[in-house]
Amino acid sequence: MTTKQTLLKVTGLKVAYGGIQAVKGVSFEVREGELVSLIGANGAGKTTTLKAITGLQPVAAGSVEYLGRAIKGQGAWDLAKQGLVMVPEGRGTFTRMTITENLLMGAYNRKDGEIDADIDKVFALFPRLKERAKQLAGTMSGGEQQMLAMGRALMARPKVLLLDEPSMGLSPIMVDKIFEVVNDIHQQGVTVLLVEQNASRALQLANRGYVMESGEVTMEGEGKALLNDPKVRAAYLGE
């Protein structure tokens, strides 16, 4: 059996806000073709970890490697050009631009001739966006903006797609749709790191998972194994 290449490796990551250490020596890896879930309660340090990986938050200690190279200190702009692309918590759409214009912004770094074809692929994944292609992003619902943020990220042709709490604040029907699309994206061959409070849904999709508590990784394992672990079920699934 061939061992898959490690695309993203985080070792001993520490992040501090002032005198408060928010992330306390976190280590994990994401291999080519995997969907890895990072779960934990609100305030566990999940979003801070993603911000540190993508250059949006200074790293106090530890290392972050992408495609075998250290990337600590590189900006989010440079990392996106290299295929490390994040959909942030809160979506971050350009509210005064249309859906199509938002998607084109996702391809801003590209110079190839396949951008229109990729927009068609995003519209196939999210038919609702196609129906409203000329609508301003700011007039859409939260779920529709989440679809747009994910579609915009796909326009960058990511090697690793980082999703930060994609289901947060959405209706149950829209949550179902978002997780369905996350699974579709993964099945199409995109490597995904999924950060989620919805532990059950995240671990159902995951090849592997990591549990964060108070800035530390306290458990790791295959997604299904963590989903069935009594400690995880008691802490995150209310059992």
Protein backbone atom coordinates (compact mmCIF):
# COMPACT_ATOMS: atom_id res chain seq x y z
CA MET A 1 0.00 0.00 0.00
CA THR A 2 1.41 3.40 -1.06
CA THR A 3 1.67 6.00 1.69
CA LYS A 4 -0.01 9.22 0.64
CA GLN A 5 2.03 12.40 0.61
CA THR A 6 1.58 14.73 3.59
CA LEU A 7 0.43 18.07 2.15
CA LEU A 8 0.05 20.01 5.41
CA LYS A 9 1.98 19.32 8.62
CA VAL A 10 1.61 21.33 11.82
CA THR A 11 4.10 20.62 14.62
CA GLY A 12 4.08 22.11 18.13
CA LEU A 13 2.07 25.14 17.04
CA LYS A 14 1.65 27.83 19.69
CA VAL A 15 -0.32 31.04 19.26
CA ALA A 16 -0.81 33.78 21.86
CA TYR A 17 -3.07 36.81 22.13
CA GLY A 18 -1.25 39.20 24.43
CA GLY A 19 -0.42 37.13 27.50
CA ILE A 20 -3.02 34.46 26.78
CA GLN A 21 -1.87 31.29 25.03
CA ALA A 22 -4.76 30.30 22.76
CA VAL A 23 -3.03 27.36 21.04
CA LYS A 24 -0.65 25.27 23.16
CA GLY A 25 1.59 23.07 21.05
CA VAL A 26 -0.86 21.59 18.52
CA SER A 27 0.38 18.95 16.05
CA PHE A 28 -1.50 17.28 13.19
CA GLU A 29 -1.18 16.48 9.50
CA VAL A 30 -3.34 16.31 6.39
CA ARG A 31 -2.41 13.85 3.65
CA GLU A 32 -3.19 14.02 -0.03
CA GLY A 33 -6.82 13.16 -0.82
CA GLU A 34 -7.96 13.11 2.81
CA LEU A 35 -10.80 14.87 4.53
CA VAL A 36 -9.55 15.62 8.04
CA SER A 37 -11.87 17.10 10.67
CA LEU A 38 -10.68 19.26 13.55
CA ILE A 39 -13.49 19.35 16.11
CA GLY A 40 -13.98 21.01 19.46
CA ALA A 41 -16.19 23.37 21.42
CA ASN A 42 -16.33 27.11 20.83
CA GLY A 43 -13.11 28.66 22.17
CA ALA A 44 -11.03 25.48 21.79
CA GLY A 45 -8.58 27.25 19.45
CA LYS A 46 -9.70 25.80 16.12
CA THR A 47 -10.13 29.06 14.22
CA THR A 48 -6.94 30.49 15.69
CA THR A 49 -5.09 27.41 14.43
CA LEU A 50 -6.38 27.97 10.89
CA LYS A 51 -5.49 31.66 11.01
CA ALA A 52 -1.95 30.79 12.09
CA ILE A 53 -1.59 28.23 9.28
CA THR A 54 -2.72 30.73 6.66
CA GLY A 55 -0.64 33.67 7.83
CA LEU A 56 -3.50 35.67 9.35
CA GLN A 57 -2.24 35.28 12.93
CA PRO A 58 1.39 35.37 14.13
CA VAL A 59 2.90 32.06 15.26
CA ALA A 60 4.60 32.15 18.67
CA ALA A 61 6.33 28.76 18.31
CA GLY A 62 6.26 25.56 16.30
CA SER A 63 6.30 24.90 12.57
CA VAL A 64 3.86 24.74 9.67
CA GLU A 65 4.88 22.88 6.52
CA TYR A 66 2.95 22.87 3.24
CA LEU A 67 4.07 20.64 0.36
CA GLY A 68 7.17 19.83 2.38
CA ARG A 69 8.26 23.46 2.85
CA ALA A 70 8.10 25.70 5.90
CA ILE A 71 5.53 28.46 5.36
CA LYS A 72 5.55 30.26 8.71
CA GLY A 73 5.55 34.00 8.07
CA GLN A 74 4.11 33.82 4.56
CA GLY A 75 0.99 35.85 3.88
CA ALA A 76 -2.43 34.46 3.04
CA TRP A 77 -2.12 35.99 -0.44
CA ASP A 78 1.05 33.99 -1.24
CA LEU A 79 -0.34 30.79 0.25
CA ALA A 80 -3.55 31.05 -1.79
CA LYS A 81 -1.43 31.32 -4.95
CA GLN A 82 0.26 28.08 -3.88
CA GLY A 83 -3.07 26.29 -3.43
CA LEU A 84 -3.60 26.59 0.35
CA VAL A 85 -7.03 28.25 0.40
CA MET A 86 -9.32 29.01 3.36
CA VAL A 87 -13.05 29.69 3.55
CA PRO A 88 -13.17 31.81 6.72
CA GLU A 89 -15.71 31.70 9.50
CA GLY A 90 -18.30 34.33 8.68
CA ARG A 91 -17.94 33.74 4.90
CA GLY A 92 -16.32 37.08 3.99
CA THR A 93 -18.10 37.58 0.67
CA PHE A 94 -17.79 40.85 -1.25
CA THR A 95 -21.27 42.09 -0.46
CA ARG A 96 -21.47 44.84 -3.10
CA MET A 97 -20.34 42.55 -5.89
CA THR A 98 -22.45 40.03 -7.79
CA ILE A 99 -22.16 36.29 -7.37
CA THR A 100 -20.27 36.00 -10.64
CA GLU A 101 -17.90 38.83 -9.67
CA ASN A 102 -17.21 37.11 -6.33
CA LEU A 103 -16.34 33.90 -8.16
CA LEU A 104 -14.01 35.78 -10.51
CA MET A 105 -12.22 37.20 -7.44
CA GLY A 106 -11.48 33.62 -6.40
CA ALA A 107 -9.62 33.19 -9.70
CA TYR A 108 -7.78 36.50 -9.38
CA ASN A 109 -4.33 34.86 -9.38
CA ARG A 110 -5.04 32.66 -12.38
CA LYS A 111 -3.97 33.40 -15.95
CA ASP A 112 -5.29 30.25 -17.67
CA GLY A 113 -8.18 30.02 -20.08
CA GLU A 114 -10.37 27.71 -17.99
CA ILE A 115 -11.92 30.23 -15.60
CA ASP A 116 -15.32 30.28 -17.31
CA ALA A 117 -15.39 26.48 -17.33
CA ASP A 118 -14.66 26.47 -13.58
CA ILE A 119 -17.49 28.94 -12.95
CA ASP A 120 -19.78 26.47 -14.74
CA LYS A 121 -18.50 23.72 -12.41
CA VAL A 122 -19.28 25.85 -9.36
CA PHE A 123 -22.76 26.54 -10.74
CA ALA A 124 -23.26 22.80 -11.24
CA LEU A 125 -22.30 22.24 -7.59
CA PHE A 126 -24.49 25.14 -6.39
CA PRO A 127 -27.48 25.53 -8.77
CA ARG A 128 -28.87 28.26 -6.52
CA LEU A 129 -25.86 30.45 -7.33
CA LYS A 130 -26.45 30.00 -11.05
CA GLU A 131 -30.06 31.12 -10.66
CA ARG A 132 -28.85 34.33 -8.98
CA ALA A 133 -25.59 34.94 -10.85
CA LYS A 134 -26.21 38.69 -11.18
CA GLN A 135 -27.53 39.19 -7.64
CA LEU A 136 -25.45 41.17 -5.15
CA ALA A 137 -23.86 38.89 -2.56
CA GLY A 138 -24.99 41.12 0.31
CA THR A 139 -28.66 40.45 -0.48
CA MET A 140 -28.32 36.67 -0.11
CA SER A 141 -29.12 34.50 2.91
CA GLY A 142 -26.37 33.23 5.19
CA GLY A 143 -26.52 29.78 3.64
CA GLU A 144 -26.31 31.17 0.12
CA GLN A 145 -23.32 33.30 1.11
CA GLN A 146 -21.66 30.19 2.55
CA MET A 147 -22.15 28.44 -0.79
CA LEU A 148 -20.64 31.46 -2.54
CA ALA A 149 -17.63 31.55 -0.21
CA MET A 150 -16.97 27.86 -0.89
CA GLY A 151 -17.44 28.34 -4.63
CA ARG A 152 -15.06 31.30 -4.64
CA ALA A 153 -12.42 29.22 -2.87
CA LEU A 154 -12.80 26.42 -5.43
CA MET A 155 -12.12 28.96 -8.19
CA ALA A 156 -8.55 29.18 -6.84
CA ARG A 157 -8.13 25.45 -7.61
CA PRO A 158 -6.96 24.58 -4.07
CA LYS A 159 -4.59 21.73 -3.32
CA VAL A 160 -5.79 21.92 0.30
CA LEU A 161 -9.13 23.55 1.14
CA LEU A 162 -9.52 24.80 4.72
CA LEU A 163 -13.15 25.20 5.84
CA ASP A 164 -13.76 27.12 9.08
CA GLU A 165 -17.16 26.34 10.65
CA PRO A 166 -19.10 26.16 7.34
CA SER A 167 -22.36 25.13 9.04
CA MET A 168 -22.37 27.82 11.74
CA GLY A 169 -25.62 29.77 12.02
CA LEU A 170 -27.40 27.95 9.20
CA SER A 171 -30.83 26.34 9.13
CA PRO A 172 -30.97 22.51 9.42
CA ILE A 173 -31.85 22.17 5.72
CA MET A 174 -28.93 24.39 4.71
CA VAL A 175 -26.59 22.50 7.06
CA ASP A 176 -27.53 19.30 5.23
CA LYS A 177 -26.75 20.96 1.89
CA ILE A 178 -23.39 22.33 3.04
CA PHE A 179 -22.19 18.96 4.35
CA GLU A 180 -23.42 17.28 1.17
CA VAL A 181 -21.31 19.70 -0.86
CA VAL A 182 -18.26 19.28 1.39
CA ASN A 183 -18.50 15.54 0.72
CA ASP A 184 -18.91 16.15 -3.03
CA ILE A 185 -15.84 18.41 -3.10
CA HIS A 186 -13.81 15.76 -1.31
CA GLN A 187 -15.06 13.00 -3.61
CA GLN A 188 -13.87 15.07 -6.57
CA GLY A 189 -10.33 14.77 -5.23
CA VAL A 190 -9.86 17.96 -3.22
CA THR A 191 -7.96 17.54 0.06
CA VAL A 192 -9.98 19.14 2.88
CA LEU A 193 -9.30 20.28 6.44
CA LEU A 194 -12.72 20.82 8.03
CA VAL A 195 -12.99 22.76 11.29
CA GLU A 196 -16.39 22.22 12.91
CA GLN A 197 -18.34 22.40 16.15
CA ASN A 198 -20.86 19.95 14.63
CA ALA A 199 -18.78 16.93 15.64
CA SER A 200 -21.21 14.28 14.49
CA ARG A 201 -21.53 15.55 10.93
CA ALA A 202 -17.83 16.35 10.62
CA LEU A 203 -16.66 12.94 11.81
CA GLN A 204 -19.15 11.11 9.61
CA LEU A 205 -17.35 12.58 6.58
CA ALA A 206 -13.79 12.43 7.88
CA ASN A 207 -11.07 9.94 7.03
CA ARG A 208 -9.35 11.08 10.22
CA GLY A 209 -10.12 13.51 13.00
CA TYR A 210 -8.51 15.49 15.79
CA VAL A 211 -10.24 16.75 18.95
CA MET A 212 -9.16 20.12 20.34
CA GLU A 213 -9.80 21.23 23.92
CA SER A 214 -8.48 24.44 25.48
CA GLY A 215 -5.85 24.95 22.80
CA GLU A 216 -4.56 21.38 22.72
CA VAL A 217 -5.20 18.24 20.66
CA THR A 218 -6.47 15.70 23.18
CA MET A 219 -7.56 12.85 20.87
CA GLU A 220 -6.97 11.72 17.29
CA GLY A 221 -7.97 8.77 15.14
CA GLU A 222 -10.06 7.60 12.22
CA GLY A 223 -13.28 9.56 11.82
CA LYS A 224 -15.62 6.63 12.47
CA ALA A 225 -13.58 5.50 15.49
CA LEU A 226 -13.79 8.96 17.08
CA LEU A 227 -17.49 9.14 16.29
CA ASN A 228 -18.04 5.95 18.26
CA ASP A 229 -15.68 6.84 21.12
CA PRO A 230 -17.61 7.17 24.42
CA LYS A 231 -15.60 10.26 25.48
CA VAL A 232 -16.34 12.06 22.22
CA ARG A 233 -20.01 11.05 22.33
CA ALA A 234 -20.34 12.28 25.92
CA ALA A 235 -18.54 15.59 25.30
CA TYR A 236 -19.86 16.55 21.87
CA LEU A 237 -22.91 14.46 21.04
CA GLY A 238 -24.75 14.81 24.35
CA GLU A 239 -24.68 11.12 25.21
